[in-house]
Amino acid sequence: MGEEESSVVRGELLDRLRALESSQSETNLAELAYKRARDALERALEEARAIRLQALDDARLTRERELASLLESMRSLRQSAESQIETLLRTAEIEASRLRDNAKAEADALVESATHEAQEIRADAQALRTANEEREKSIDRIEAELNRLLAEIATRLGMTEGPAEGWWRRITARRSS
């Protein structure tokens, strides 16, 4: 009986242990599952944080690269604009120089033309003056010759005194009055 009792006691103890174990094990299993789930959640959250931080770092690096690329593009555009401005300024300076040279050449041509024209006018005026003086001398000679001839005719006709202003002026003064 000792063995039976011990086997019964053992059986009871085993049953109690099993009962105790099964109620504790259910609680323990739930706690263990909860702990494992919480640990898994914490690991997942930690990984998510790490991934998010890595994504933020990647995004920051991408933005920095894009910003550097944009800045380089802007520098390139600025250099291109400055180059175009310099080219335009050089072109404008060349055009201004050409226009100045053309204007100076035209002004010089106009001055030369005006000078030549003035010389021609002076020469024409001098020629007219000279021709006029020659005509005046010729007229004075003709008038003196006419007065002399008319004085001879008057002397032949018996007129002793001639007019003081001369025969020509006396004849023409009566007609023009």
C-alpha atoms as a PDB file:
ATOM      1  CA  MET A   1       0.000   0.000   0.000  1.00  0.00           C
ATOM      2  CA  GLY A   2       2.776   2.255   0.499  1.00  0.00           C
ATOM      3  CA  GLU A   3       3.473   2.141  -3.077  1.00  0.00           C
ATOM      4  CA  GLU A   4      -0.095   2.701  -3.991  1.00  0.00           C
ATOM      5  CA  GLU A   5      -0.400   5.537  -1.637  1.00  0.00           C
ATOM      6  CA  SER A   6       2.732   7.008  -2.880  1.00  0.00           C
ATOM      7  CA  SER A   7       1.533   6.538  -6.432  1.00  0.00           C
ATOM      8  CA  VAL A   8      -1.833   8.055  -5.496  1.00  0.00           C
ATOM      9  CA  VAL A   9      -0.106  10.893  -3.728  1.00  0.00           C
ATOM     10  CA  ARG A  10       2.169  11.191  -6.641  1.00  0.00           C
ATOM     11  CA  GLY A  11      -0.794  11.143  -9.003  1.00  0.00           C
ATOM     12  CA  GLU A  12      -2.594  13.738  -6.931  1.00  0.00           C
ATOM     13  CA  LEU A  13       0.448  15.864  -6.762  1.00  0.00           C
ATOM     14  CA  LEU A  14       0.893  15.475 -10.464  1.00  0.00           C
ATOM     15  CA  ASP A  15      -2.736  16.335 -11.033  1.00  0.00           C
ATOM     16  CA  ARG A  16      -2.465  19.313  -8.772  1.00  0.00           C
ATOM     17  CA  LEU A  17       0.717  20.335 -10.414  1.00  0.00           C
ATOM     18  CA  ARG A  18      -0.906  19.932 -13.771  1.00  0.00           C
ATOM     19  CA  ALA A  19      -3.965  21.871 -12.642  1.00  0.00           C
ATOM     20  CA  LEU A  20      -1.790  24.471 -11.072  1.00  0.00           C
ATOM     21  CA  GLU A  21       0.492  24.398 -14.004  1.00  0.00           C
ATOM     22  CA  SER A  22      -2.341  24.650 -16.510  1.00  0.00           C
ATOM     23  CA  SER A  23      -3.942  27.653 -14.770  1.00  0.00           C
ATOM     24  CA  GLN A  24      -0.522  29.179 -14.203  1.00  0.00           C
ATOM     25  CA  SER A  25       0.611  28.119 -17.579  1.00  0.00           C
ATOM     26  CA  GLU A  26      -2.395  29.783 -19.200  1.00  0.00           C
ATOM     27  CA  THR A  27      -1.595  32.930 -17.265  1.00  0.00           C
ATOM     28  CA  ASN A  28       2.082  32.469 -17.915  1.00  0.00           C
ATOM     29  CA  LEU A  29       1.454  31.745 -21.575  1.00  0.00           C
ATOM     30  CA  ALA A  30      -0.700  34.863 -21.911  1.00  0.00           C
ATOM     31  CA  GLU A  31       1.943  36.931 -20.128  1.00  0.00           C
ATOM     32  CA  LEU A  32       4.652  35.391 -22.191  1.00  0.00           C
ATOM     33  CA  ALA A  33       2.694  36.006 -25.391  1.00  0.00           C
ATOM     34  CA  TYR A  34       1.979  39.563 -24.224  1.00  0.00           C
ATOM     35  CA  LYS A  35       5.669  40.090 -23.394  1.00  0.00           C
ATOM     36  CA  ARG A  36       6.706  38.621 -26.711  1.00  0.00           C
ATOM     37  CA  ALA A  37       4.143  40.735 -28.560  1.00  0.00           C
ATOM     38  CA  ARG A  38       5.235  43.832 -26.645  1.00  0.00           C
ATOM     39  CA  ASP A  39       8.897  43.049 -27.330  1.00  0.00           C
ATOM     40  CA  ALA A  40       8.078  42.450 -30.996  1.00  0.00           C
ATOM     41  CA  LEU A  41       6.103  45.716 -31.070  1.00  0.00           C
ATOM     42  CA  GLU A  42       8.955  47.602 -29.394  1.00  0.00           C
ATOM     43  CA  ARG A  43      11.435  46.081 -31.850  1.00  0.00           C
ATOM     44  CA  ALA A  44       9.084  46.943 -34.740  1.00  0.00           C
ATOM     45  CA  LEU A  45       8.674  50.506 -33.417  1.00  0.00           C
ATOM     46  CA  GLU A  46      12.440  50.775 -32.965  1.00  0.00           C
ATOM     47  CA  GLU A  47      12.986  49.492 -36.509  1.00  0.00           C
ATOM     48  CA  ALA A  48      10.278  51.864 -37.767  1.00  0.00           C
ATOM     49  CA  ARG A  49      12.041  54.758 -35.977  1.00  0.00           C
ATOM     50  CA  ALA A  50      15.353  53.711 -37.438  1.00  0.00           C
ATOM     51  CA  ILE A  51      13.794  53.370 -40.903  1.00  0.00           C
ATOM     52  CA  ARG A  52      12.053  56.761 -40.514  1.00  0.00           C
ATOM     53  CA  LEU A  53      15.321  58.369 -39.360  1.00  0.00           C
ATOM     54  CA  GLN A  54      17.125  56.751 -42.282  1.00  0.00           C
ATOM     55  CA  ALA A  55      14.375  57.958 -44.641  1.00  0.00           C
ATOM     56  CA  LEU A  56      14.661  61.462 -43.180  1.00  0.00           C
ATOM     57  CA  ASP A  57      18.445  61.350 -43.599  1.00  0.00           C
ATOM     58  CA  ASP A  58      18.030  60.070 -47.154  1.00  0.00           C
ATOM     59  CA  ALA A  59      15.467  62.794 -47.892  1.00  0.00           C
ATOM     60  CA  ARG A  60      17.768  65.448 -46.386  1.00  0.00           C
ATOM     61  CA  LEU A  61      20.707  64.167 -48.443  1.00  0.00           C
ATOM     62  CA  THR A  62      18.519  64.103 -51.557  1.00  0.00           C
ATOM     63  CA  ARG A  63      17.372  67.688 -50.869  1.00  0.00           C
ATOM     64  CA  GLU A  64      20.971  68.737 -50.301  1.00  0.00           C
ATOM     65  CA  ARG A  65      22.011  67.114 -53.596  1.00  0.00           C
ATOM     66  CA  GLU A  66      19.060  68.720 -55.382  1.00  0.00           C
ATOM     67  CA  LEU A  67      19.869  72.084 -53.783  1.00  0.00           C
ATOM     68  CA  ALA A  68      23.528  71.752 -54.762  1.00  0.00           C
ATOM     69  CA  SER A  69      22.447  70.810 -58.294  1.00  0.00           C
ATOM     70  CA  LEU A  70      20.040  73.759 -58.379  1.00  0.00           C
ATOM     71  CA  LEU A  71      22.742  76.111 -57.106  1.00  0.00           C
ATOM     72  CA  GLU A  72      25.154  74.808 -59.740  1.00  0.00           C
ATOM     73  CA  SER A  73      22.481  75.259 -62.383  1.00  0.00           C
ATOM     74  CA  MET A  74      21.844  78.813 -61.160  1.00  0.00           C
ATOM     75  CA  ARG A  75      25.598  79.548 -61.222  1.00  0.00           C
ATOM     76  CA  SER A  76      25.755  78.202 -64.743  1.00  0.00           C
ATOM     77  CA  LEU A  77      22.765  80.324 -65.779  1.00  0.00           C
ATOM     78  CA  ARG A  78      24.302  83.373 -64.114  1.00  0.00           C
ATOM     79  CA  GLN A  79      27.613  82.806 -65.913  1.00  0.00           C
ATOM     80  CA  SER A  80      25.736  82.365 -69.171  1.00  0.00           C
ATOM     81  CA  ALA A  81      23.772  85.572 -68.550  1.00  0.00           C
ATOM     82  CA  GLU A  82      26.939  87.454 -67.636  1.00  0.00           C
ATOM     83  CA  SER A  83      28.614  86.123 -70.768  1.00  0.00           C
ATOM     84  CA  GLN A  84      25.661  87.226 -72.887  1.00  0.00           C
ATOM     85  CA  ILE A  85      25.698  90.651 -71.212  1.00  0.00           C
ATOM     86  CA  GLU A  86      29.414  91.008 -71.916  1.00  0.00           C
ATOM     87  CA  THR A  87      28.843  89.975 -75.527  1.00  0.00           C
ATOM     88  CA  LEU A  88      26.003  92.492 -75.849  1.00  0.00           C
ATOM     89  CA  LEU A  89      28.138  95.225 -74.301  1.00  0.00           C
ATOM     90  CA  ARG A  90      31.026  94.441 -76.659  1.00  0.00           C
ATOM     91  CA  THR A  91      28.624  94.427 -79.606  1.00  0.00           C
ATOM     92  CA  ALA A  92      27.112  97.730 -78.445  1.00  0.00           C
ATOM     93  CA  GLU A  93      30.576  99.264 -78.030  1.00  0.00           C
ATOM     94  CA  ILE A  94      31.588  98.087 -81.502  1.00  0.00           C
ATOM     95  CA  GLU A  95      28.330  99.427 -82.978  1.00  0.00           C
ATOM     96  CA  ALA A  96      28.738 102.739 -81.125  1.00  0.00           C
ATOM     97  CA  SER A  97      32.317 103.009 -82.381  1.00  0.00           C
ATOM     98  CA  ARG A  98      31.169 102.240 -85.919  1.00  0.00           C
ATOM     99  CA  LEU A  99      28.372 104.825 -85.657  1.00  0.00           C
ATOM    100  CA  ARG A 100      30.817 107.425 -84.280  1.00  0.00           C
ATOM    101  CA  ASP A 101      33.236 106.715 -87.115  1.00  0.00           C
ATOM    102  CA  ASN A 102      30.432 106.931 -89.688  1.00  0.00           C
ATOM    103  CA  ALA A 103      29.116 110.158 -88.156  1.00  0.00           C
ATOM    104  CA  LYS A 104      32.632 111.633 -88.105  1.00  0.00           C
ATOM    105  CA  ALA A 105      33.207 110.586 -91.724  1.00  0.00           C
ATOM    106  CA  GLU A 106      29.855 112.083 -92.741  1.00  0.00           C
ATOM    107  CA  ALA A 107      30.586 115.274 -90.795  1.00  0.00           C
ATOM    108  CA  ASP A 108      34.044 115.506 -92.367  1.00  0.00           C
ATOM    109  CA  ALA A 109      32.507 114.957 -95.823  1.00  0.00           C
ATOM    110  CA  LEU A 110      29.880 117.633 -95.125  1.00  0.00           C
ATOM    111  CA  VAL A 111      32.527 120.068 -93.872  1.00  0.00           C
ATOM    112  CA  GLU A 112      34.677 119.357 -96.920  1.00  0.00           C
ATOM    113  CA  SER A 113      31.682 119.753 -99.230  1.00  0.00           C
ATOM    114  CA  ALA A 114      30.632 122.988 -97.500  1.00  0.00           C
ATOM    115  CA  THR A 115      34.209 124.273 -97.661  1.00  0.00           C
ATOM    116  CA  HIS A 116      34.446 123.421-101.362  1.00  0.00           C
ATOM    117  CA  GLU A 117      31.042 125.030-101.982  1.00  0.00           C
ATOM    118  CA  ALA A 118      32.073 128.142-100.046  1.00  0.00           C
ATOM    119  CA  GLN A 119      35.276 128.356-102.088  1.00  0.00           C
ATOM    120  CA  GLU A 120      33.271 128.043-105.307  1.00  0.00           C
ATOM    121  CA  ILE A 121      30.838 130.730-104.116  1.00  0.00           C
ATOM    122  CA  ARG A 122      33.755 133.000-103.161  1.00  0.00           C
ATOM    123  CA  ALA A 123      35.365 132.358-106.552  1.00  0.00           C
ATOM    124  CA  ASP A 124      32.045 133.038-108.329  1.00  0.00           C
ATOM    125  CA  ALA A 125      31.527 136.203-106.268  1.00  0.00           C
ATOM    126  CA  GLN A 126      35.068 137.341-107.005  1.00  0.00           C
ATOM    127  CA  ALA A 127      34.542 136.581-110.703  1.00  0.00           C
ATOM    128  CA  LEU A 128      31.267 138.555-110.644  1.00  0.00           C
ATOM    129  CA  ARG A 129      32.942 141.427-108.821  1.00  0.00           C
ATOM    130  CA  THR A 130      35.795 141.426-111.316  1.00  0.00           C
ATOM    131  CA  ALA A 131      33.396 141.181-114.277  1.00  0.00           C
ATOM    132  CA  ASN A 132      31.281 143.963-112.798  1.00  0.00           C
ATOM    133  CA  GLU A 133      34.341 146.171-112.298  1.00  0.00           C
ATOM    134  CA  GLU A 134      35.397 145.414-115.868  1.00  0.00           C
ATOM    135  CA  ARG A 135      31.927 146.290-117.157  1.00  0.00           C
ATOM    136  CA  GLU A 136      31.874 149.449-115.081  1.00  0.00           C
ATOM    137  CA  LYS A 137      35.270 150.463-116.495  1.00  0.00           C
ATOM    138  CA  SER A 138      34.063 149.561-119.967  1.00  0.00           C
ATOM    139  CA  ILE A 139      30.878 151.594-119.478  1.00  0.00           C
ATOM    140  CA  ASP A 140      32.895 154.521-118.112  1.00  0.00           C
ATOM    141  CA  ARG A 141      35.190 154.297-121.192  1.00  0.00           C
ATOM    142  CA  ILE A 142      32.201 154.093-123.532  1.00  0.00           C
ATOM    143  CA  GLU A 143      30.514 157.005-121.733  1.00  0.00           C
ATOM    144  CA  ALA A 144      33.734 159.075-121.871  1.00  0.00           C
ATOM    145  CA  GLU A 145      34.131 158.208-125.561  1.00  0.00           C
ATOM    146  CA  LEU A 146      30.496 159.089-126.228  1.00  0.00           C
ATOM    147  CA  ASN A 147      30.820 162.376-124.311  1.00  0.00           C
ATOM    148  CA  ARG A 148      33.962 163.187-126.285  1.00  0.00           C
ATOM    149  CA  LEU A 149      32.261 162.378-129.608  1.00  0.00           C
ATOM    150  CA  LEU A 150      29.136 164.315-128.656  1.00  0.00           C
ATOM    151  CA  ALA A 151      31.332 167.274-127.577  1.00  0.00           C
ATOM    152  CA  GLU A 152      33.035 167.177-131.002  1.00  0.00           C
ATOM    153  CA  ILE A 153      29.658 167.068-132.715  1.00  0.00           C
ATOM    154  CA  ALA A 154      28.420 169.935-130.545  1.00  0.00           C
ATOM    155  CA  THR A 155      31.572 171.927-131.365  1.00  0.00           C
ATOM    156  CA  ARG A 156      31.044 171.334-135.086  1.00  0.00           C
ATOM    157  CA  LEU A 157      27.474 172.450-134.724  1.00  0.00           C
ATOM    158  CA  GLY A 158      28.638 175.589-132.980  1.00  0.00           C
ATOM    159  CA  MET A 159      27.802 174.825-129.401  1.00  0.00           C
ATOM    160  CA  THR A 160      30.606 176.046-127.304  1.00  0.00           C
ATOM    161  CA  GLU A 161      29.726 174.774-123.871  1.00  0.00           C
ATOM    162  CA  GLY A 162      28.682 171.237-123.000  1.00  0.00           C
ATOM    163  CA  PRO A 163      26.626 170.228-119.986  1.00  0.00           C
ATOM    164  CA  ALA A 164      28.535 169.906-116.694  1.00  0.00           C
ATOM    165  CA  GLU A 165      27.217 166.399-116.009  1.00  0.00           C
ATOM    166  CA  GLY A 166      28.165 165.275-119.513  1.00  0.00           C
ATOM    167  CA  TRP A 167      26.107 164.673-122.632  1.00  0.00           C
ATOM    168  CA  TRP A 168      25.245 161.052-121.864  1.00  0.00           C
ATOM    169  CA  ARG A 169      23.800 161.794-118.427  1.00  0.00           C
ATOM    170  CA  ARG A 170      21.874 164.751-119.743  1.00  0.00           C
ATOM    171  CA  ILE A 171      20.323 162.689-122.574  1.00  0.00           C
ATOM    172  CA  THR A 172      19.456 159.734-120.314  1.00  0.00           C
ATOM    173  CA  ALA A 173      18.251 161.914-117.412  1.00  0.00           C
ATOM    174  CA  ARG A 174      15.518 163.475-119.542  1.00  0.00           C
ATOM    175  CA  ARG A 175      14.250 160.112-120.793  1.00  0.00           C
ATOM    176  CA  SER A 176      14.159 158.414-117.381  1.00  0.00           C
ATOM    177  CA  SER A 177      12.263 161.288-115.666  1.00  0.00           C
END
